[in-house]
Structure formats: structure tokens, C-alpha cells
Amino acid sequence: MPRRRLVPRPDRTSRQARRGSVDIGRVSPAVSVRRVGDDAPVEHNIHSYLANNLGREIVGGLYPPGSLLPAESEMLKRFSVSRTALRETYRVLAAKGMIESRSKVGTRVRAKSDWNMLDPEVLAWHMQTVPTEDLIADLYVLRQMIEPAAAELAAAGDPDQAVDRIAAAYADMERFKDGAGDLIAADLRFHLAILEATGNHFIGALGGLIHAALVCTFKLSWAGAARIQDDRLRQHGAIFEAIRDHAPARARARMNELLRDSINDVREFLRHRDEPDRGKPGKRAHIASPGEKRL
């Protein structure tokens, strides 16, 4: 009996290519997907692509709190994805407190008070849909509750080990002020080092919790302080010196002054941002989120 000739079996990708269509909901997470748009970011996978789109639309008010998202069949048709991909995206947004799904009812947008505002993506979506002065003011209230007290504790304790980290971050800020490096990253290291210098594990952990909030406020405050960077740098230096000199009251006062002036820098930036479009409703400047790259 003659032996059967073995023919290599075509792989799944080849079969799909010949059919002319690939189910985007089953694309490997390693495959990049580009959002339609002039400056669309490249997303790592279909779930982040969908979550970013829907997240921005919810934050932007297309689907206000209390409203139902379109029916599942409509969303599947709109994005041309699998049901599995869409439901995974809903799970991501539900974990951030933004939506909730109920059988026989649908998927509803939750009240803003339920949203996890310290989630980096949720905060980034707010920044991408044009940050308001109220949002920034709320972020500064959070900082004012934490950072002056942290500076005081750091100066009252034994900050010798932390002083080197604070000094190194401040030196980078000085070196990067003219655009030679990442000024915002250096500013972040400066403030996180102060939280760690308190010696309090709970306060130190707040650095990771408010990381996104810090970066967002730094980005806008330095933009607003473009003409007075030296003043802000001197204020950072005064905080460092107070901690180094074990002067708790002075450290708290200097941090309070920096935060007060920084929020004014942000307000100045927002005022200038909105001036060109004053009287033109619906046309607002785009503010890139921290780390966002224009393509």
C-alpha cells in the first residue's frame, strides 16, 4: 500500500488572510492597534484600545453618569470586535469604578464619585479631554493635605540618608531647566524622596498612589512657570535646605509656598490656553497626557 504524502497544514493566520478578514477581537496582545485619528496613540492591544476610547468618551461627557451605554450589538458593530474583547473592556472600566453591568438592564455609567480618580488611566483621560481648573484645584488640595506635613516630618526625623536622594533630584532639576533633560521626572523624584524621608511607611506609599496626580500637576505648573523657572527652582532648593538643616517648621512653610505659587502657575497656563478660543464654543486646546507622544 503506497504511503500517503503528508501536506503541511496551513496555519490559522494564512487561512484568515486568504479569507480577507481577521477577527480583531482575537488579535494577539503583542499586535499594535492604531486608533483612528490625526494624532492617535498606538495601543498595546485591543483591550487598551477600546478602554481608552470608551474611557475618554465617558470622561468627555458623551456618555454622562447615569446613562446607559449603547447596546452590545451596536458596540460590536461600531468597533468590529468580538464579544469577548468588548466584555473584557467593560471589566477593565468596571474595575475603575466607571461602569456597572446588570442583566436585562445593560451597562450604565456610574456617578463620578465612584470613579477611581487616582487610577493613572482615569486621570490621563481627564487630562486628555482638556483639564479644568476645578480638576487641577482638587489635585492641589490633595497635595496640600500631604506634602507640607511630609516635609515637616522629613526635617524632624533623621533624613541623612534621604538628603542625598533629595539633593540629587534637585541637582537634576537645575541641570534640566533649559530642556537638557526630563525636568518633570526630576521634580517627581524630588517630591517622592521627601515622602520617603518621613520614615512613615504609609506616607511613603502615598507616592505610588498619587504618582499620576503629581506628574499631571507638574506638567501644567512648569508650563505656566515658563518665564519664572528660576523662582520655582529656588523654592525647591529652600525646601531641600530646610530638610537638610532639620528645620521642620521652615520645611512646612516652604512647601506651602511652593504649592501656592504652583497652582497659580497652572491657572496662568489654563488662562492663556483658553484665550485664543474664547467665544468659540466647542473648540478647546488639546493637552497631552504625561508620557503621551504625538505621532
Protein backbone atom coordinates (compact mmCIF):
# COMPACT_ATOMS: atom_id res chain seq x y z
CA MET A 1 0.00 0.00 0.00
CA PRO A 2 1.56 3.33 -1.05
CA ARG A 3 2.41 5.75 1.71
CA ARG A 4 0.28 8.90 1.95
CA ARG A 5 2.06 12.09 1.16
CA LEU A 6 1.94 14.48 4.09
CA VAL A 7 1.00 18.02 3.15
CA PRO A 8 1.83 20.83 5.62
CA ARG A 9 -1.33 22.20 7.17
CA PRO A 10 -1.72 25.95 6.60
CA ASP A 11 -1.59 27.98 9.77
CA ARG A 12 -4.56 29.92 11.05
CA THR A 13 -3.12 33.29 10.08
CA SER A 14 -2.70 32.18 6.44
CA ARG A 15 -6.26 30.86 6.29
CA GLN A 16 -7.63 34.12 7.68
CA ALA A 17 -5.52 36.15 5.28
CA ARG A 18 -6.90 34.22 2.31
CA ARG A 19 -10.43 34.82 3.57
CA GLY A 20 -9.60 38.51 3.63
CA SER A 21 -10.69 39.12 7.21
CA VAL A 22 -9.24 38.70 10.68
CA ASP A 23 -11.26 38.88 13.89
CA ILE A 24 -9.63 41.88 15.60
CA GLY A 25 -11.01 40.75 18.94
CA ARG A 26 -8.69 37.77 18.84
CA VAL A 27 -5.53 39.58 17.79
CA SER A 28 -2.54 38.67 19.91
CA PRO A 29 -1.80 41.18 22.69
CA ALA A 30 1.58 41.73 21.07
CA VAL A 31 -0.05 43.21 17.99
CA SER A 32 -0.34 47.01 17.98
CA VAL A 33 -3.59 48.69 17.02
CA ARG A 34 -3.74 52.32 15.95
CA ARG A 35 -6.77 54.44 16.90
CA VAL A 36 -8.27 56.34 14.01
CA GLY A 37 -7.29 59.99 14.29
CA ASP A 38 -4.66 62.52 13.32
CA ASP A 39 -2.54 62.03 16.44
CA ALA A 40 -3.76 58.64 17.55
CA PRO A 41 -1.57 56.75 20.01
CA VAL A 42 -0.53 53.20 19.30
CA GLU A 43 -2.17 50.92 21.84
CA HIS A 44 -0.60 47.72 23.11
CA ASN A 45 -3.69 45.55 22.47
CA ILE A 46 -7.32 45.68 21.55
CA HIS A 47 -8.49 45.87 25.18
CA SER A 48 -6.48 49.01 25.96
CA TYR A 49 -7.56 50.45 22.60
CA LEU A 50 -11.23 50.03 23.47
CA ALA A 51 -10.80 51.06 27.12
CA ASN A 52 -9.02 54.27 26.10
CA ASN A 53 -11.68 55.15 23.56
CA LEU A 54 -14.64 54.47 25.84
CA GLY A 55 -12.89 55.92 28.87
CA ARG A 56 -12.25 59.22 27.09
CA GLU A 57 -15.81 59.32 25.79
CA ILE A 58 -17.24 58.77 29.27
CA VAL A 59 -14.96 61.38 30.83
CA GLY A 60 -15.72 63.78 27.97
CA GLY A 61 -19.46 63.51 28.61
CA LEU A 62 -20.55 61.57 25.54
CA TYR A 63 -21.97 59.02 27.98
CA PRO A 64 -22.77 61.03 31.14
CA PRO A 65 -23.16 59.47 34.61
CA GLY A 66 -26.41 57.56 34.91
CA SER A 67 -26.75 56.93 31.18
CA LEU A 68 -26.72 53.53 29.53
CA LEU A 69 -24.02 52.63 27.03
CA PRO A 70 -25.32 51.60 23.59
CA ALA A 71 -26.50 48.03 23.23
CA GLU A 72 -23.82 45.39 22.94
CA SER A 73 -24.74 44.64 19.33
CA GLU A 74 -24.28 48.31 18.42
CA MET A 75 -20.87 48.49 20.11
CA LEU A 76 -19.72 45.29 18.41
CA LYS A 77 -20.68 46.74 15.05
CA ARG A 78 -19.07 50.11 15.79
CA PHE A 79 -15.67 48.71 16.80
CA SER A 80 -15.73 45.47 14.74
CA VAL A 81 -14.54 43.40 17.68
CA SER A 82 -15.53 40.13 19.26
CA ARG A 83 -17.96 39.90 22.14
CA THR A 84 -15.12 38.58 24.31
CA ALA A 85 -12.99 41.66 23.62
CA LEU A 86 -15.85 44.07 24.39
CA ARG A 87 -16.76 42.33 27.63
CA GLU A 88 -13.13 42.32 28.76
CA THR A 89 -13.04 46.06 28.09
CA TYR A 90 -16.16 46.53 30.22
CA ARG A 91 -14.47 44.59 33.01
CA VAL A 92 -11.50 46.98 32.86
CA LEU A 93 -13.74 50.05 33.10
CA ALA A 94 -15.84 48.44 35.84
CA ALA A 95 -12.69 47.82 37.89
CA LYS A 96 -12.00 51.57 37.69
CA GLY A 97 -15.47 52.26 39.09
CA MET A 98 -16.71 53.88 35.88
CA ILE A 99 -19.43 51.49 34.71
CA GLU A 100 -21.59 48.66 36.01
CA SER A 101 -23.41 45.97 34.07
CA ARG A 102 -26.70 44.36 35.07
CA SER A 103 -28.55 41.59 33.33
CA LYS A 104 -31.70 42.69 31.50
CA VAL A 105 -30.77 46.32 32.13
CA GLY A 106 -27.50 46.97 30.33
CA THR A 107 -24.26 48.76 31.12
CA ARG A 108 -24.65 52.04 32.96
CA VAL A 109 -22.13 54.81 33.65
CA ARG A 110 -21.64 55.23 37.39
CA ALA A 111 -21.60 58.50 39.30
CA LYS A 112 -18.29 60.39 39.16
CA SER A 113 -17.92 59.96 42.91
CA ASP A 114 -17.48 56.22 42.25
CA TRP A 115 -14.66 56.65 39.73
CA ASN A 116 -11.13 55.83 40.84
CA MET A 117 -9.67 59.26 40.16
CA LEU A 118 -6.17 58.22 41.24
CA ASP A 119 -6.06 55.48 38.63
CA PRO A 120 -3.37 56.67 36.16
CA GLU A 121 -5.54 55.96 33.12
CA VAL A 122 -8.65 57.65 34.54
CA LEU A 123 -6.61 60.73 35.42
CA ALA A 124 -4.93 60.69 31.99
CA TRP A 125 -8.34 60.59 30.28
CA HIS A 126 -9.34 63.70 32.21
CA MET A 127 -6.15 65.44 31.14
CA GLN A 128 -6.63 64.39 27.51
CA THR A 129 -10.17 65.78 27.39
CA VAL A 130 -8.81 69.20 28.49
CA PRO A 131 -8.22 69.63 32.22
CA THR A 132 -10.41 72.16 34.01
CA GLU A 133 -9.33 74.50 36.77
CA ASP A 134 -11.66 72.65 39.16
CA LEU A 135 -9.92 69.34 38.48
CA ILE A 136 -6.47 70.84 38.99
CA ALA A 137 -7.62 72.63 42.15
CA ASP A 138 -8.82 69.30 43.56
CA LEU A 139 -5.44 67.74 42.81
CA TYR A 140 -3.70 70.57 44.65
CA VAL A 141 -5.98 70.20 47.66
CA LEU A 142 -4.80 66.60 47.86
CA ARG A 143 -1.17 67.70 47.64
CA GLN A 144 -1.63 70.43 50.23
CA MET A 145 -3.03 67.87 52.67
CA ILE A 146 0.01 65.61 52.29
CA GLU A 147 3.21 67.33 51.20
CA PRO A 148 3.70 70.18 53.72
CA ALA A 149 3.24 67.72 56.58
CA ALA A 150 5.59 65.26 54.87
CA ALA A 151 8.29 67.95 54.52
CA GLU A 152 7.90 68.78 58.20
CA LEU A 153 8.20 65.14 59.24
CA ALA A 154 11.20 64.61 56.98
CA ALA A 155 13.01 67.57 58.56
CA ALA A 156 12.09 66.49 62.10
CA GLY A 157 13.40 62.97 61.63
CA ASP A 158 16.79 61.62 60.64
CA PRO A 159 16.87 62.45 56.94
CA ASP A 160 20.59 61.94 56.38
CA GLN A 161 20.10 59.00 54.01
CA ALA A 162 17.22 60.67 52.19
CA VAL A 163 19.01 64.01 51.87
CA ASP A 164 21.31 62.59 49.20
CA ARG A 165 18.33 61.49 47.10
CA ILE A 166 16.60 64.85 47.50
CA ALA A 167 19.84 66.67 46.66
CA ALA A 168 20.41 64.53 43.57
CA ALA A 169 16.87 65.18 42.31
CA TYR A 170 17.26 68.92 42.89
CA ALA A 171 20.59 68.93 41.05
CA ASP A 172 18.88 67.25 38.08
CA MET A 173 16.14 69.89 38.13
CA GLU A 174 18.78 72.61 37.94
CA ARG A 175 20.58 70.80 35.12
CA PHE A 176 17.40 70.11 33.14
CA LYS A 177 15.70 73.50 33.49
CA ASP A 178 16.74 74.59 30.00
CA GLY A 179 15.45 71.46 28.30
CA ALA A 180 18.59 69.34 28.57
CA GLY A 181 16.66 66.50 30.24
CA ASP A 182 13.41 65.46 31.86
CA LEU A 183 12.62 68.26 34.31
CA ILE A 184 9.26 66.76 35.27
CA ALA A 185 10.79 63.36 36.11
CA ALA A 186 13.40 65.08 38.28
CA ASP A 187 10.67 67.08 40.04
CA LEU A 188 8.77 63.85 40.67
CA ARG A 189 11.86 62.22 42.22
CA PHE A 190 12.32 65.27 44.44
CA HIS A 191 8.82 65.08 45.91
CA LEU A 192 8.77 61.29 46.20
CA ALA A 193 12.10 61.38 48.05
CA ILE A 194 10.54 63.76 50.60
CA LEU A 195 7.62 61.38 51.16
CA GLU A 196 10.07 58.51 51.69
CA ALA A 197 12.20 60.66 54.01
CA THR A 198 9.34 60.82 56.53
CA GLY A 199 10.22 57.27 57.58
CA ASN A 200 6.49 56.55 57.70
CA HIS A 201 5.65 53.55 55.54
CA PHE A 202 2.07 54.72 54.96
CA ILE A 203 3.11 58.20 53.85
CA GLY A 204 5.87 56.74 51.70
CA ALA A 205 3.32 54.50 50.00
CA LEU A 206 1.26 57.56 49.09
CA GLY A 207 3.91 58.36 46.49
CA GLY A 208 2.82 55.44 44.36
CA LEU A 209 -0.85 56.27 44.95
CA ILE A 210 -0.63 59.91 43.86
CA HIS A 211 2.09 59.39 41.25
CA ALA A 212 -0.19 60.25 38.33
CA ALA A 213 -1.61 63.29 40.14
CA LEU A 214 1.89 64.63 40.78
CA VAL A 215 3.01 64.20 37.18
CA CYS A 216 -0.13 65.90 35.84
CA THR A 217 0.25 68.93 38.08
CA PHE A 218 4.00 69.18 37.42
CA LYS A 219 3.42 69.18 33.67
CA LEU A 220 0.99 72.08 33.83
CA SER A 221 2.73 74.08 36.56
CA TRP A 222 6.09 74.10 34.76
CA ALA A 223 4.33 75.13 31.55
CA GLY A 224 2.78 78.04 33.44
CA ALA A 225 6.10 78.94 35.07
CA ALA A 226 7.99 79.13 31.78
CA ARG A 227 9.15 82.69 32.47
CA ILE A 228 9.87 82.23 36.18
CA GLN A 229 11.50 78.83 36.38
CA ASP A 230 14.39 80.14 38.46
CA ASP A 231 11.97 81.25 41.19
CA ARG A 232 10.37 77.81 41.37
CA LEU A 233 13.75 76.13 41.42
CA ARG A 234 14.86 78.35 44.30
CA GLN A 235 11.73 77.33 46.20
CA HIS A 236 12.62 73.67 45.73
CA GLY A 237 16.12 74.47 46.94
CA ALA A 238 14.71 76.17 50.05
CA ILE A 239 12.69 73.05 50.88
CA PHE A 240 15.77 70.87 50.48
CA GLU A 241 17.84 73.16 52.73
CA ALA A 242 15.16 73.17 55.45
CA ILE A 243 15.06 69.37 55.49
CA ARG A 244 18.86 69.16 55.45
CA ASP A 245 19.08 71.64 58.33
CA HIS A 246 16.48 69.79 60.44
CA ALA A 247 14.12 72.79 60.41
CA PRO A 248 10.58 71.28 60.42
CA ALA A 249 8.56 74.50 60.60
CA ARG A 250 10.59 76.06 57.81
CA ALA A 251 10.24 72.94 55.64
CA ARG A 252 6.44 73.01 56.02
CA ALA A 253 6.28 76.74 55.26
CA ARG A 254 8.49 76.47 52.17
CA MET A 255 6.44 73.57 50.80
CA ASN A 256 3.22 75.51 51.38
CA GLU A 257 4.66 78.45 49.47
CA LEU A 258 5.71 76.26 46.56
CA LEU A 259 2.27 74.65 46.25
CA ARG A 260 0.51 78.02 46.49
CA ASP A 261 2.63 79.51 43.70
CA SER A 262 2.47 76.36 41.58
CA ILE A 263 -1.34 76.33 41.48
CA ASN A 264 -1.18 79.96 40.36
CA ASP A 265 1.21 78.87 37.58
CA VAL A 266 -1.34 76.29 36.46
CA ARG A 267 -4.15 78.84 36.48
CA GLU A 268 -1.99 81.15 34.37
CA PHE A 269 -1.34 78.36 31.89
CA LEU A 270 -5.04 77.45 31.64
CA ARG A 271 -5.99 81.11 31.18
CA HIS A 272 -3.57 81.53 28.27
CA ARG A 273 -4.62 78.19 26.82
CA ASP A 274 -8.26 79.24 26.65
CA GLU A 275 -7.71 82.83 25.44
CA PRO A 276 -7.34 82.05 21.69
CA ASP A 277 -10.61 80.09 21.67
CA ARG A 278 -12.64 82.42 23.86
CA GLY A 279 -16.01 82.90 22.23
CA LYS A 280 -15.61 79.76 20.10
CA PRO A 281 -17.62 77.08 21.90
CA GLY A 282 -16.59 73.51 21.40
CA LYS A 283 -13.03 74.36 20.29
CA ARG A 284 -10.51 73.72 23.06
CA ALA A 285 -6.78 73.13 23.03
CA HIS A 286 -5.53 69.56 23.40
CA ILE A 287 -3.30 68.93 26.42
CA ALA A 288 -1.18 65.80 26.04
CA SER A 289 -1.11 63.47 28.99
CA PRO A 290 2.20 62.72 30.73
CA GLY A 291 4.20 60.39 28.51
CA GLU A 292 1.87 60.84 25.54
CA LYS A 293 3.71 61.18 22.24
CA ARG A 294 2.33 62.85 19.18
CA LEU A 295 2.69 60.75 16.08
